[in-house]
Amino acid sequence: MKRKIIFFGCTKFSEEILSYLLKKGMTIEAIFSTPNEFSISYSNKKVKNYNYADLSKIANNFGIKHVEIQTEAGERVSSYYDFIKDLSPDVIIVAGWYFMIPEKILNLPKEGVWGLHASLLPKYAGGAPLVWAMIEGEDFSGVTLFKMKKGVDNGDILGQYKFKISKDDTIRELIKKSTIASKRLLVKYLNKEEINYRKQIENRIEIYPQRSPSDGIIDWSESSEFIERFIRAQTKPYPGAWTIIGNKKVTIWDAKIQKND
């Protein structure tokens, strides 16, 4: 089945997913993205996207309509209701996006809005799921493809893909694993004639908060195992774990536990 798609994204993950869909011959009608720095509700100043990708380049190369959203305000996205309606999409795909999608947009495509979330929902809903899973010491994570609705990652599930978190993985490796899983899920379900959904049990959804660079401060009272995971979870391409030495902020990108003989 050839579905007409509108794509929402603004990260390197978004860029890789979008490029893969185009390589697979999917029909992308329009691309929505954001600038590198933007306003969002949980911050008093503009937020920097540390994993930013400029999707306008892909839009220009393929002759695809492109829209840049400058601010989170739901009405800003809602103002494109008629634009999206005129394109008559079968589905909107959201991959690497920071803003809430207004309910009137969620209900617009024939098959709804599909979101990719880097956890095995209902676990680790909300912000930075891969970072949280690593900090919490999980052995496995994964990706969930779901139909978005009002709320936080609480929609009906299309499919999931599970992968292992190895002891020496950094967040970079987990991003790679989640990208591979996301590609497999999207192509599988975009090629299905009929989609079956599985409802989430909403009282089992675990919502974690967004993270900011200030959350990277190291608590040296924690165990060495926790601190080592904490550093691996926030290393590049993210802002990094950090501490104060003297009066200077020092970012720590890597750490190993030294065993005493």
C-alpha atoms as a PDB file:
ATOM      1  CA  MET A   1       0.000   0.000   0.000  1.00  0.00           C
ATOM      2  CA  LYS A   2       1.374   3.418  -0.999  1.00  0.00           C
ATOM      3  CA  ARG A   3       0.590   5.799   1.854  1.00  0.00           C
ATOM      4  CA  LYS A   4       0.826   9.601   1.561  1.00  0.00           C
ATOM      5  CA  ILE A   5       2.995  10.811   4.451  1.00  0.00           C
ATOM      6  CA  ILE A   6       3.697  14.108   6.228  1.00  0.00           C
ATOM      7  CA  PHE A   7       6.879  13.986   8.318  1.00  0.00           C
ATOM      8  CA  PHE A   8       7.652  15.863  11.571  1.00  0.00           C
ATOM      9  CA  GLY A   9      11.259  15.882  12.832  1.00  0.00           C
ATOM     10  CA  CYS A  10      14.266  18.042  13.716  1.00  0.00           C
ATOM     11  CA  THR A  11      17.132  15.759  14.818  1.00  0.00           C
ATOM     12  CA  LYS A  12      19.842  13.615  13.245  1.00  0.00           C
ATOM     13  CA  PHE A  13      17.594  10.658  14.080  1.00  0.00           C
ATOM     14  CA  SER A  14      14.802  12.356  12.091  1.00  0.00           C
ATOM     15  CA  GLU A  15      17.189  12.937   9.190  1.00  0.00           C
ATOM     16  CA  GLU A  16      18.232   9.295   9.052  1.00  0.00           C
ATOM     17  CA  ILE A  17      14.651   8.020   9.272  1.00  0.00           C
ATOM     18  CA  LEU A  18      13.423  10.468   6.621  1.00  0.00           C
ATOM     19  CA  SER A  19      16.284   9.608   4.254  1.00  0.00           C
ATOM     20  CA  TYR A  20      15.565   5.902   4.722  1.00  0.00           C
ATOM     21  CA  LEU A  21      11.869   6.314   3.950  1.00  0.00           C
ATOM     22  CA  LEU A  22      12.702   8.228   0.774  1.00  0.00           C
ATOM     23  CA  LYS A  23      15.222   5.540  -0.198  1.00  0.00           C
ATOM     24  CA  LYS A  24      12.462   2.962   0.222  1.00  0.00           C
ATOM     25  CA  GLY A  25      10.230   4.932  -2.145  1.00  0.00           C
ATOM     26  CA  MET A  26       7.758   6.280   0.415  1.00  0.00           C
ATOM     27  CA  THR A  27       5.642   9.274  -0.640  1.00  0.00           C
ATOM     28  CA  ILE A  28       6.509  12.286   1.543  1.00  0.00           C
ATOM     29  CA  GLU A  29       4.099  15.174   0.900  1.00  0.00           C
ATOM     30  CA  ALA A  30       5.601  17.698   3.364  1.00  0.00           C
ATOM     31  CA  ILE A  31       8.265  18.030   6.060  1.00  0.00           C
ATOM     32  CA  PHE A  32       7.806  20.000   9.297  1.00  0.00           C
ATOM     33  CA  SER A  33      10.944  20.899  11.259  1.00  0.00           C
ATOM     34  CA  THR A  34      12.309  23.435  13.775  1.00  0.00           C
ATOM     35  CA  PRO A  35      15.365  25.719  13.959  1.00  0.00           C
ATOM     36  CA  ASN A  36      18.414  24.714  16.002  1.00  0.00           C
ATOM     37  CA  GLU A  37      17.221  26.850  18.939  1.00  0.00           C
ATOM     38  CA  PHE A  38      13.550  27.269  19.810  1.00  0.00           C
ATOM     39  CA  SER A  39      11.129  28.250  22.558  1.00  0.00           C
ATOM     40  CA  ILE A  40       9.409  25.525  24.561  1.00  0.00           C
ATOM     41  CA  SER A  41       7.119  25.525  27.594  1.00  0.00           C
ATOM     42  CA  TYR A  42       9.475  23.962  30.154  1.00  0.00           C
ATOM     43  CA  SER A  43      12.246  26.574  29.688  1.00  0.00           C
ATOM     44  CA  ASN A  44      12.327  30.355  30.240  1.00  0.00           C
ATOM     45  CA  LYS A  45      14.915  30.765  27.508  1.00  0.00           C
ATOM     46  CA  LYS A  46      15.398  29.180  24.113  1.00  0.00           C
ATOM     47  CA  VAL A  47      16.379  25.509  24.093  1.00  0.00           C
ATOM     48  CA  LYS A  48      19.265  24.266  21.960  1.00  0.00           C
ATOM     49  CA  ASN A  49      18.767  21.046  20.002  1.00  0.00           C
ATOM     50  CA  TYR A  50      22.098  19.256  20.566  1.00  0.00           C
ATOM     51  CA  ASN A  51      21.209  16.596  17.995  1.00  0.00           C
ATOM     52  CA  TYR A  52      19.916  19.036  15.370  1.00  0.00           C
ATOM     53  CA  ALA A  53      19.589  18.296  11.659  1.00  0.00           C
ATOM     54  CA  ASP A  54      18.460  20.761   8.993  1.00  0.00           C
ATOM     55  CA  LEU A  55      15.712  18.870   7.156  1.00  0.00           C
ATOM     56  CA  SER A  56      15.150  21.743   4.740  1.00  0.00           C
ATOM     57  CA  LYS A  57      18.119  20.413   2.758  1.00  0.00           C
ATOM     58  CA  ILE A  58      16.341  17.108   2.132  1.00  0.00           C
ATOM     59  CA  ALA A  59      13.128  18.961   1.296  1.00  0.00           C
ATOM     60  CA  ASN A  60      14.956  21.091  -1.274  1.00  0.00           C
ATOM     61  CA  ASN A  61      16.799  18.127  -2.804  1.00  0.00           C
ATOM     62  CA  PHE A  62      13.596  16.149  -3.293  1.00  0.00           C
ATOM     63  CA  GLY A  63      11.258  19.042  -4.075  1.00  0.00           C
ATOM     64  CA  ILE A  64       9.179  18.429  -0.950  1.00  0.00           C
ATOM     65  CA  LYS A  65       7.167  21.177   0.773  1.00  0.00           C
ATOM     66  CA  HIS A  66       8.900  22.366   3.960  1.00  0.00           C
ATOM     67  CA  VAL A  67       7.531  24.181   7.039  1.00  0.00           C
ATOM     68  CA  GLU A  68       9.659  25.439   9.951  1.00  0.00           C
ATOM     69  CA  ILE A  69       7.940  25.769  13.344  1.00  0.00           C
ATOM     70  CA  GLN A  70       9.581  28.440  15.530  1.00  0.00           C
ATOM     71  CA  THR A  71       7.738  27.906  18.813  1.00  0.00           C
ATOM     72  CA  GLU A  72       5.875  25.253  20.755  1.00  0.00           C
ATOM     73  CA  ALA A  73       2.531  27.032  20.886  1.00  0.00           C
ATOM     74  CA  GLY A  74      -0.089  24.511  19.777  1.00  0.00           C
ATOM     75  CA  GLU A  75      -1.876  27.183  17.811  1.00  0.00           C
ATOM     76  CA  ARG A  76       1.284  27.622  15.748  1.00  0.00           C
ATOM     77  CA  VAL A  77       1.007  24.031  14.490  1.00  0.00           C
ATOM     78  CA  SER A  78      -2.777  24.284  14.367  1.00  0.00           C
ATOM     79  CA  SER A  79      -2.452  27.212  11.961  1.00  0.00           C
ATOM     80  CA  TYR A  80      -1.330  24.674   9.352  1.00  0.00           C
ATOM     81  CA  TYR A  81      -4.553  22.677   9.639  1.00  0.00           C
ATOM     82  CA  ASP A  82      -5.834  23.719   6.208  1.00  0.00           C
ATOM     83  CA  PHE A  83      -2.393  23.194   4.648  1.00  0.00           C
ATOM     84  CA  ILE A  84      -2.255  19.625   5.998  1.00  0.00           C
ATOM     85  CA  LYS A  85      -5.894  18.939   5.146  1.00  0.00           C
ATOM     86  CA  ASP A  86      -5.355  20.003   1.529  1.00  0.00           C
ATOM     87  CA  LEU A  87      -2.491  17.511   1.225  1.00  0.00           C
ATOM     88  CA  SER A  88      -4.890  14.751   2.360  1.00  0.00           C
ATOM     89  CA  PRO A  89      -2.250  12.586   4.106  1.00  0.00           C
ATOM     90  CA  ASP A  90      -2.887   8.984   5.038  1.00  0.00           C
ATOM     91  CA  VAL A  91      -0.556   9.308   8.019  1.00  0.00           C
ATOM     92  CA  ILE A  92       1.699  11.815   9.785  1.00  0.00           C
ATOM     93  CA  ILE A  93       4.962  10.355  11.106  1.00  0.00           C
ATOM     94  CA  VAL A  94       6.591  12.025  14.116  1.00  0.00           C
ATOM     95  CA  ALA A  95      10.255  11.066  14.619  1.00  0.00           C
ATOM     96  CA  GLY A  96      12.515  13.234  16.763  1.00  0.00           C
ATOM     97  CA  TRP A  97      10.111  16.070  17.574  1.00  0.00           C
ATOM     98  CA  TYR A  98       9.939  18.264  20.685  1.00  0.00           C
ATOM     99  CA  PHE A  99       6.488  19.879  20.557  1.00  0.00           C
ATOM    100  CA  MET A 100       3.053  18.529  21.349  1.00  0.00           C
ATOM    101  CA  ILE A 101       0.921  17.868  18.275  1.00  0.00           C
ATOM    102  CA  PRO A 102      -2.472  19.629  18.699  1.00  0.00           C
ATOM    103  CA  GLU A 103      -5.489  17.333  18.935  1.00  0.00           C
ATOM    104  CA  LYS A 104      -7.111  18.793  15.815  1.00  0.00           C
ATOM    105  CA  ILE A 105      -4.013  17.743  13.840  1.00  0.00           C
ATOM    106  CA  LEU A 106      -3.926  14.300  15.483  1.00  0.00           C
ATOM    107  CA  ASN A 107      -7.402  13.617  14.140  1.00  0.00           C
ATOM    108  CA  LEU A 108      -6.731  14.887  10.624  1.00  0.00           C
ATOM    109  CA  PRO A 109      -4.879  12.102   8.716  1.00  0.00           C
ATOM    110  CA  LYS A 110      -6.887   9.087   7.568  1.00  0.00           C
ATOM    111  CA  GLU A 111      -4.837   6.699   9.726  1.00  0.00           C
ATOM    112  CA  GLY A 112      -3.818   9.193  12.371  1.00  0.00           C
ATOM    113  CA  VAL A 113      -0.422  10.354  13.584  1.00  0.00           C
ATOM    114  CA  TRP A 114       2.212   7.683  14.190  1.00  0.00           C
ATOM    115  CA  GLY A 115       4.906   8.380  16.763  1.00  0.00           C
ATOM    116  CA  LEU A 116       8.213   6.646  17.358  1.00  0.00           C
ATOM    117  CA  HIS A 117       9.233   6.469  21.010  1.00  0.00           C
ATOM    118  CA  ALA A 118      12.587   5.024  22.095  1.00  0.00           C
ATOM    119  CA  SER A 119      11.299   2.754  24.837  1.00  0.00           C
ATOM    120  CA  LEU A 120       9.119  -0.309  25.253  1.00  0.00           C
ATOM    121  CA  LEU A 121       5.942   1.510  26.228  1.00  0.00           C
ATOM    122  CA  PRO A 122       4.335   1.733  28.734  1.00  0.00           C
ATOM    123  CA  LYS A 123       7.827   1.936  30.318  1.00  0.00           C
ATOM    124  CA  TYR A 124       9.819   5.176  30.039  1.00  0.00           C
ATOM    125  CA  ALA A 125       7.170   7.367  28.453  1.00  0.00           C
ATOM    126  CA  GLY A 126       8.005  11.073  28.333  1.00  0.00           C
ATOM    127  CA  GLY A 127      11.405  12.684  27.862  1.00  0.00           C
ATOM    128  CA  ALA A 128      14.859  11.226  27.148  1.00  0.00           C
ATOM    129  CA  PRO A 129      13.808   7.539  27.404  1.00  0.00           C
ATOM    130  CA  LEU A 130      17.156   6.049  26.345  1.00  0.00           C
ATOM    131  CA  VAL A 131      19.071   8.231  28.798  1.00  0.00           C
ATOM    132  CA  TRP A 132      16.724   7.299  31.632  1.00  0.00           C
ATOM    133  CA  ALA A 133      16.840   3.574  30.789  1.00  0.00           C
ATOM    134  CA  MET A 134      20.634   3.612  30.929  1.00  0.00           C
ATOM    135  CA  ILE A 135      20.765   5.662  34.152  1.00  0.00           C
ATOM    136  CA  GLU A 136      18.285   3.267  35.775  1.00  0.00           C
ATOM    137  CA  GLY A 137      20.451   0.267  34.850  1.00  0.00           C
ATOM    138  CA  GLU A 138      18.073  -1.477  32.449  1.00  0.00           C
ATOM    139  CA  ASP A 139      19.395  -4.479  30.493  1.00  0.00           C
ATOM    140  CA  PHE A 140      17.028  -3.898  27.568  1.00  0.00           C
ATOM    141  CA  SER A 141      15.259  -1.059  25.820  1.00  0.00           C
ATOM    142  CA  GLY A 142      13.561  -0.723  22.446  1.00  0.00           C
ATOM    143  CA  VAL A 143      11.345   1.323  20.185  1.00  0.00           C
ATOM    144  CA  THR A 144       7.566   1.581  20.070  1.00  0.00           C
ATOM    145  CA  LEU A 145       5.547   2.691  17.043  1.00  0.00           C
ATOM    146  CA  PHE A 146       2.182   3.972  18.254  1.00  0.00           C
ATOM    147  CA  LYS A 147      -0.823   6.021  17.209  1.00  0.00           C
ATOM    148  CA  MET A 148      -0.600   9.351  18.986  1.00  0.00           C
ATOM    149  CA  LYS A 149      -3.465  10.879  20.947  1.00  0.00           C
ATOM    150  CA  LYS A 150      -3.866  13.628  23.535  1.00  0.00           C
ATOM    151  CA  GLY A 151      -1.552  12.857  26.436  1.00  0.00           C
ATOM    152  CA  VAL A 152       2.020  11.621  26.841  1.00  0.00           C
ATOM    153  CA  ASP A 153       2.977   8.556  24.766  1.00  0.00           C
ATOM    154  CA  ASN A 154      -0.319   6.900  25.670  1.00  0.00           C
ATOM    155  CA  GLY A 155      -1.710   5.932  22.263  1.00  0.00           C
ATOM    156  CA  ASP A 156      -2.505   2.512  20.811  1.00  0.00           C
ATOM    157  CA  ILE A 157       0.571   0.462  19.868  1.00  0.00           C
ATOM    158  CA  LEU A 158       1.234  -0.756  16.317  1.00  0.00           C
ATOM    159  CA  GLY A 159       4.457  -2.621  17.060  1.00  0.00           C
ATOM    160  CA  GLN A 160       7.632  -2.781  19.141  1.00  0.00           C
ATOM    161  CA  TYR A 161      11.259  -3.806  18.655  1.00  0.00           C
ATOM    162  CA  LYS A 162      13.474  -4.802  21.600  1.00  0.00           C
ATOM    163  CA  PHE A 163      17.260  -4.506  21.871  1.00  0.00           C
ATOM    164  CA  LYS A 164      19.922  -5.144  24.515  1.00  0.00           C
ATOM    165  CA  ILE A 165      21.769  -2.455  26.466  1.00  0.00           C
ATOM    166  CA  SER A 166      25.328  -3.763  26.717  1.00  0.00           C
ATOM    167  CA  LYS A 167      27.579  -2.962  29.681  1.00  0.00           C
ATOM    168  CA  ASP A 168      29.881  -0.797  27.558  1.00  0.00           C
ATOM    169  CA  ASP A 169      27.215   0.949  25.448  1.00  0.00           C
ATOM    170  CA  THR A 170      27.139   4.736  25.488  1.00  0.00           C
ATOM    171  CA  ILE A 171      24.116   6.797  24.518  1.00  0.00           C
ATOM    172  CA  ARG A 172      25.574   6.970  21.000  1.00  0.00           C
ATOM    173  CA  GLU A 173      25.271   3.175  20.610  1.00  0.00           C
ATOM    174  CA  LEU A 174      21.712   3.205  21.955  1.00  0.00           C
ATOM    175  CA  ILE A 175      20.727   5.903  19.474  1.00  0.00           C
ATOM    176  CA  LYS A 176      22.128   3.721  16.658  1.00  0.00           C
ATOM    177  CA  LYS A 177      20.210   0.688  17.906  1.00  0.00           C
ATOM    178  CA  SER A 178      16.985   2.664  18.221  1.00  0.00           C
ATOM    179  CA  THR A 179      17.427   4.093  14.716  1.00  0.00           C
ATOM    180  CA  ILE A 180      17.793   0.619  13.195  1.00  0.00           C
ATOM    181  CA  ALA A 181      14.738  -0.569  15.128  1.00  0.00           C
ATOM    182  CA  SER A 182      12.720   2.478  14.037  1.00  0.00           C
ATOM    183  CA  LYS A 183      13.495   1.883  10.364  1.00  0.00           C
ATOM    184  CA  ARG A 184      12.364  -1.735  10.606  1.00  0.00           C
ATOM    185  CA  LEU A 185       9.140  -0.834  12.377  1.00  0.00           C
ATOM    186  CA  LEU A 186       8.173   1.978  10.019  1.00  0.00           C
ATOM    187  CA  VAL A 187       8.799   0.085   6.796  1.00  0.00           C
ATOM    188  CA  LYS A 188       6.995  -2.970   8.149  1.00  0.00           C
ATOM    189  CA  TYR A 189       3.836  -1.076   9.073  1.00  0.00           C
ATOM    190  CA  LEU A 190       3.823   1.414   6.213  1.00  0.00           C
ATOM    191  CA  ASN A 191       3.751  -1.573   3.850  1.00  0.00           C
ATOM    192  CA  LYS A 192       0.880  -3.313   5.679  1.00  0.00           C
ATOM    193  CA  GLU A 193      -2.536  -3.204   4.035  1.00  0.00           C
ATOM    194  CA  GLU A 194      -4.365  -3.448   7.355  1.00  0.00           C
ATOM    195  CA  ILE A 195      -3.154  -2.138  10.713  1.00  0.00           C
ATOM    196  CA  ASN A 196      -4.109  -3.735  14.042  1.00  0.00           C
ATOM    197  CA  TYR A 197      -3.562  -1.751  17.226  1.00  0.00           C
ATOM    198  CA  ARG A 198      -3.001  -2.809  20.838  1.00  0.00           C
ATOM    199  CA  LYS A 199      -4.338  -0.485  23.542  1.00  0.00           C
ATOM    200  CA  GLN A 200      -2.066   0.626  26.350  1.00  0.00           C
ATOM    201  CA  ILE A 201      -3.201   0.266  29.948  1.00  0.00           C
ATOM    202  CA  GLU A 202      -2.861   3.904  30.915  1.00  0.00           C
ATOM    203  CA  ASN A 203      -2.354   3.377  34.663  1.00  0.00           C
ATOM    204  CA  ARG A 204       0.786   1.377  33.822  1.00  0.00           C
ATOM    205  CA  ILE A 205       2.402   4.183  31.812  1.00  0.00           C
ATOM    206  CA  GLU A 206       5.614   5.425  33.483  1.00  0.00           C
ATOM    207  CA  ILE A 207       6.178   9.080  32.540  1.00  0.00           C
ATOM    208  CA  TYR A 208       9.713  10.436  32.936  1.00  0.00           C
ATOM    209  CA  PRO A 209      10.560  14.159  32.754  1.00  0.00           C
ATOM    210  CA  GLN A 210      12.528  15.920  30.033  1.00  0.00           C
ATOM    211  CA  ARG A 211      16.212  16.453  30.766  1.00  0.00           C
ATOM    212  CA  SER A 212      18.303  19.607  30.406  1.00  0.00           C
ATOM    213  CA  PRO A 213      22.092  20.157  30.606  1.00  0.00           C
ATOM    214  CA  SER A 214      21.739  21.115  34.281  1.00  0.00           C
ATOM    215  CA  ASP A 215      20.510  17.576  35.038  1.00  0.00           C
ATOM    216  CA  GLY A 216      23.932  16.230  34.092  1.00  0.00           C
ATOM    217  CA  ILE A 217      25.533  17.157  37.435  1.00  0.00           C
ATOM    218  CA  ILE A 218      27.214  14.138  39.029  1.00  0.00           C
ATOM    219  CA  ASP A 219      26.210  13.099  42.547  1.00  0.00           C
ATOM    220  CA  TRP A 220      29.451  11.661  43.952  1.00  0.00           C
ATOM    221  CA  SER A 221      27.565  10.034  46.838  1.00  0.00           C
ATOM    222  CA  GLU A 222      26.137   7.488  44.373  1.00  0.00           C
ATOM    223  CA  SER A 223      27.822   4.138  43.717  1.00  0.00           C
ATOM    224  CA  SER A 224      30.672   3.924  41.213  1.00  0.00           C
ATOM    225  CA  GLU A 225      28.477   1.719  39.011  1.00  0.00           C
ATOM    226  CA  PHE A 226      25.737   4.335  38.941  1.00  0.00           C
ATOM    227  CA  ILE A 227      28.150   7.196  38.191  1.00  0.00           C
ATOM    228  CA  GLU A 228      29.780   5.257  35.348  1.00  0.00           C
ATOM    229  CA  ARG A 229      26.329   4.591  33.797  1.00  0.00           C
ATOM    230  CA  PHE A 230      25.340   8.217  34.379  1.00  0.00           C
ATOM    231  CA  ILE A 231      28.363   9.395  32.386  1.00  0.00           C
ATOM    232  CA  ARG A 232      27.809   6.893  29.536  1.00  0.00           C
ATOM    233  CA  ALA A 233      24.139   7.943  29.331  1.00  0.00           C
ATOM    234  CA  GLN A 234      24.923  11.612  28.710  1.00  0.00           C
ATOM    235  CA  THR A 235      28.106  11.593  26.677  1.00  0.00           C
ATOM    236  CA  LYS A 236      28.314  12.880  23.093  1.00  0.00           C
ATOM    237  CA  PRO A 237      26.185  13.758  21.170  1.00  0.00           C
ATOM    238  CA  TYR A 238      24.522  15.047  24.367  1.00  0.00           C
ATOM    239  CA  PRO A 239      25.885  17.840  26.619  1.00  0.00           C
ATOM    240  CA  GLY A 240      27.643  15.426  29.001  1.00  0.00           C
ATOM    241  CA  ALA A 241      27.816  14.694  32.725  1.00  0.00           C
ATOM    242  CA  TRP A 242      29.639  17.326  34.739  1.00  0.00           C
ATOM    243  CA  THR A 243      30.982  18.364  38.106  1.00  0.00           C
ATOM    244  CA  ILE A 244      32.507  21.439  39.763  1.00  0.00           C
ATOM    245  CA  ILE A 245      36.239  21.435  40.515  1.00  0.00           C
ATOM    246  CA  GLY A 246      37.251  24.576  42.333  1.00  0.00           C
ATOM    247  CA  ASN A 247      35.062  27.182  40.680  1.00  0.00           C
ATOM    248  CA  LYS A 248      35.154  25.555  37.257  1.00  0.00           C
ATOM    249  CA  LYS A 249      32.570  23.364  35.573  1.00  0.00           C
ATOM    250  CA  VAL A 250      34.247  20.229  34.193  1.00  0.00           C
ATOM    251  CA  THR A 251      32.455  17.913  31.727  1.00  0.00           C
ATOM    252  CA  ILE A 252      33.360  14.220  31.923  1.00  0.00           C
ATOM    253  CA  TRP A 253      32.836  12.329  28.663  1.00  0.00           C
ATOM    254  CA  ASP A 254      34.088   8.880  29.646  1.00  0.00           C
ATOM    255  CA  ALA A 255      34.795   6.871  32.778  1.00  0.00           C
ATOM    256  CA  LYS A 256      35.917   3.383  33.784  1.00  0.00           C
ATOM    257  CA  ILE A 257      35.619   1.629  37.110  1.00  0.00           C
ATOM    258  CA  GLN A 258      39.052   0.738  38.525  1.00  0.00           C
ATOM    259  CA  LYS A 259      38.979  -2.509  40.492  1.00  0.00           C
ATOM    260  CA  ASN A 260      41.422  -2.724  43.400  1.00  0.00           C
ATOM    261  CA  ASP A 261      43.381  -5.985  43.582  1.00  0.00           C
END
